[in-house]
Amino acid sequence: MSEEKTFIKVSGACKEFDGKEVLKEVSVDIKEGEPRGLLGRSGGGEISFASHVDAPSKVGEVCSKCGAKLELRELNYWEDKDVLKEFMEERR
């Protein structure tokens, strides 16, 4: 298995709103090319966390593994149940 380089690294992220802690010491390493998502209950801090992660965009660049041009996609799994299936089939 090849060692992928870290694309996004977050260490010890914390956030409070009106004295209520919504993020406490959140740490994550995301490797390049590794699909990820944030899931949680309503008010669990997913949007707070994502809004503080400043990932460099690679939209328009060519994938070094398959040669495809990288594109930005907004996925809504709640409205279109086929989106996840299509997304996973493209990865095979």
C-alpha atoms as a PDB file:
ATOM      1  CA  MET A   1       0.000   0.000   0.000  1.00  0.00           C
ATOM      2  CA  SER A   2       1.458   3.356  -1.013  1.00  0.00           C
ATOM      3  CA  GLU A   3       1.772   6.136   1.533  1.00  0.00           C
ATOM      4  CA  GLU A   4      -0.354   9.106   0.445  1.00  0.00           C
ATOM      5  CA  LYS A   5       0.673  12.583   1.558  1.00  0.00           C
ATOM      6  CA  THR A   6      -1.497  14.530   3.968  1.00  0.00           C
ATOM      7  CA  PHE A   7      -3.756  16.971   2.110  1.00  0.00           C
ATOM      8  CA  ILE A   8      -5.534  18.489   5.140  1.00  0.00           C
ATOM      9  CA  LYS A   9      -4.334  18.370   8.743  1.00  0.00           C
ATOM     10  CA  VAL A  10      -6.341  19.767  11.641  1.00  0.00           C
ATOM     11  CA  SER A  11      -5.010  19.570  15.194  1.00  0.00           C
ATOM     12  CA  GLY A  12      -6.878  20.500  18.344  1.00  0.00           C
ATOM     13  CA  ALA A  13      -9.662  22.608  16.778  1.00  0.00           C
ATOM     14  CA  CYS A  14     -11.969  24.245  19.344  1.00  0.00           C
ATOM     15  CA  LYS A  15     -14.977  26.541  18.920  1.00  0.00           C
ATOM     16  CA  GLU A  16     -17.527  28.114  21.266  1.00  0.00           C
ATOM     17  CA  PHE A  17     -20.793  29.952  20.628  1.00  0.00           C
ATOM     18  CA  ASP A  18     -22.239  31.987  23.511  1.00  0.00           C
ATOM     19  CA  GLY A  19     -20.222  29.957  26.001  1.00  0.00           C
ATOM     20  CA  LYS A  20     -21.337  26.595  24.568  1.00  0.00           C
ATOM     21  CA  GLU A  21     -18.487  24.410  23.325  1.00  0.00           C
ATOM     22  CA  VAL A  22     -19.344  22.992  19.884  1.00  0.00           C
ATOM     23  CA  LEU A  23     -15.874  21.701  18.980  1.00  0.00           C
ATOM     24  CA  LYS A  24     -13.421  20.336  21.532  1.00  0.00           C
ATOM     25  CA  GLU A  25      -9.913  19.299  20.508  1.00  0.00           C
ATOM     26  CA  VAL A  26     -10.949  17.954  17.073  1.00  0.00           C
ATOM     27  CA  SER A  27      -8.007  16.511  15.130  1.00  0.00           C
ATOM     28  CA  VAL A  28      -7.968  14.816  11.728  1.00  0.00           C
ATOM     29  CA  ASP A  29      -5.523  14.006   8.928  1.00  0.00           C
ATOM     30  CA  ILE A  30      -7.029  13.601   5.468  1.00  0.00           C
ATOM     31  CA  LYS A  31      -4.818  11.999   2.855  1.00  0.00           C
ATOM     32  CA  GLU A  32      -4.808  13.221  -0.732  1.00  0.00           C
ATOM     33  CA  GLY A  33      -7.482  11.456  -2.779  1.00  0.00           C
ATOM     34  CA  GLU A  34      -9.221  10.087   0.306  1.00  0.00           C
ATOM     35  CA  PRO A  35     -13.011  10.658   0.173  1.00  0.00           C
ATOM     36  CA  ARG A  36     -14.454  12.002   3.414  1.00  0.00           C
ATOM     37  CA  GLY A  37     -17.684  13.442   4.731  1.00  0.00           C
ATOM     38  CA  LEU A  38     -18.944  14.949   7.960  1.00  0.00           C
ATOM     39  CA  LEU A  39     -21.976  13.364   9.554  1.00  0.00           C
ATOM     40  CA  GLY A  40     -23.571  14.196  12.859  1.00  0.00           C
ATOM     41  CA  ARG A  41     -26.738  15.161  14.629  1.00  0.00           C
ATOM     42  CA  SER A  42     -28.210  18.597  14.096  1.00  0.00           C
ATOM     43  CA  GLY A  43     -26.130  21.152  15.994  1.00  0.00           C
ATOM     44  CA  GLY A  44     -23.217  18.732  16.340  1.00  0.00           C
ATOM     45  CA  GLY A  45     -20.618  21.155  14.961  1.00  0.00           C
ATOM     46  CA  GLU A  46     -20.117  19.763  11.434  1.00  0.00           C
ATOM     47  CA  ILE A  47     -20.576  23.125   9.720  1.00  0.00           C
ATOM     48  CA  SER A  48     -18.520  24.942  12.361  1.00  0.00           C
ATOM     49  CA  PHE A  49     -15.685  22.505  11.770  1.00  0.00           C
ATOM     50  CA  ALA A  50     -15.868  22.587   7.969  1.00  0.00           C
ATOM     51  CA  SER A  51     -16.040  26.389   7.837  1.00  0.00           C
ATOM     52  CA  HIS A  52     -12.691  26.616   9.651  1.00  0.00           C
ATOM     53  CA  VAL A  53     -10.835  24.235   7.348  1.00  0.00           C
ATOM     54  CA  ASP A  54      -9.099  26.107   4.545  1.00  0.00           C
ATOM     55  CA  ALA A  55      -8.250  23.407   2.002  1.00  0.00           C
ATOM     56  CA  PRO A  56      -6.402  24.362  -1.172  1.00  0.00           C
ATOM     57  CA  SER A  57      -8.565  23.927  -4.263  1.00  0.00           C
ATOM     58  CA  LYS A  58      -7.391  21.616  -7.025  1.00  0.00           C
ATOM     59  CA  VAL A  59     -10.409  22.255  -9.256  1.00  0.00           C
ATOM     60  CA  GLY A  60      -9.328  22.292 -12.894  1.00  0.00           C
ATOM     61  CA  GLU A  61      -6.083  20.388 -12.262  1.00  0.00           C
ATOM     62  CA  VAL A  62      -5.433  16.971 -13.777  1.00  0.00           C
ATOM     63  CA  CYS A  63      -5.496  13.907 -11.506  1.00  0.00           C
ATOM     64  CA  SER A  64      -2.043  12.356 -11.314  1.00  0.00           C
ATOM     65  CA  LYS A  65      -3.556   8.859 -10.982  1.00  0.00           C
ATOM     66  CA  CYS A  66      -6.208   8.742 -13.719  1.00  0.00           C
ATOM     67  CA  GLY A  67      -5.677  11.854 -15.858  1.00  0.00           C
ATOM     68  CA  ALA A  68      -9.228  13.205 -15.342  1.00  0.00           C
ATOM     69  CA  LYS A  69      -9.776  16.934 -14.870  1.00  0.00           C
ATOM     70  CA  LEU A  70     -10.822  17.634 -11.269  1.00  0.00           C
ATOM     71  CA  GLU A  71     -14.187  19.331 -10.837  1.00  0.00           C
ATOM     72  CA  LEU A  72     -16.212  20.745  -7.969  1.00  0.00           C
ATOM     73  CA  ARG A  73     -19.442  18.913  -7.200  1.00  0.00           C
ATOM     74  CA  GLU A  74     -22.078  19.677  -4.620  1.00  0.00           C
ATOM     75  CA  LEU A  75     -23.674  16.450  -3.424  1.00  0.00           C
ATOM     76  CA  ASN A  76     -26.965  16.291  -1.563  1.00  0.00           C
ATOM     77  CA  TYR A  77     -27.570  12.738  -0.417  1.00  0.00           C
ATOM     78  CA  TRP A  78     -30.942  13.664   1.116  1.00  0.00           C
ATOM     79  CA  GLU A  79     -32.536  14.964  -2.089  1.00  0.00           C
ATOM     80  CA  ASP A  80     -30.971  12.640  -4.670  1.00  0.00           C
ATOM     81  CA  LYS A  81     -30.511   9.079  -3.427  1.00  0.00           C
ATOM     82  CA  ASP A  82     -28.724   8.063  -6.660  1.00  0.00           C
ATOM     83  CA  VAL A  83     -25.887  10.576  -6.146  1.00  0.00           C
ATOM     84  CA  LEU A  84     -24.002   8.397  -3.643  1.00  0.00           C
ATOM     85  CA  LYS A  85     -24.412   5.284  -5.800  1.00  0.00           C
ATOM     86  CA  GLU A  86     -23.096   7.127  -8.870  1.00  0.00           C
ATOM     87  CA  PHE A  87     -20.233   8.628  -6.872  1.00  0.00           C
ATOM     88  CA  MET A  88     -19.153   5.222  -5.541  1.00  0.00           C
ATOM     89  CA  GLU A  89     -19.419   3.554  -8.972  1.00  0.00           C
ATOM     90  CA  GLU A  90     -17.060   6.186 -10.428  1.00  0.00           C
ATOM     91  CA  ARG A  91     -14.453   5.201  -7.828  1.00  0.00           C
ATOM     92  CA  ARG A  92     -14.348   1.535  -8.903  1.00  0.00           C
END
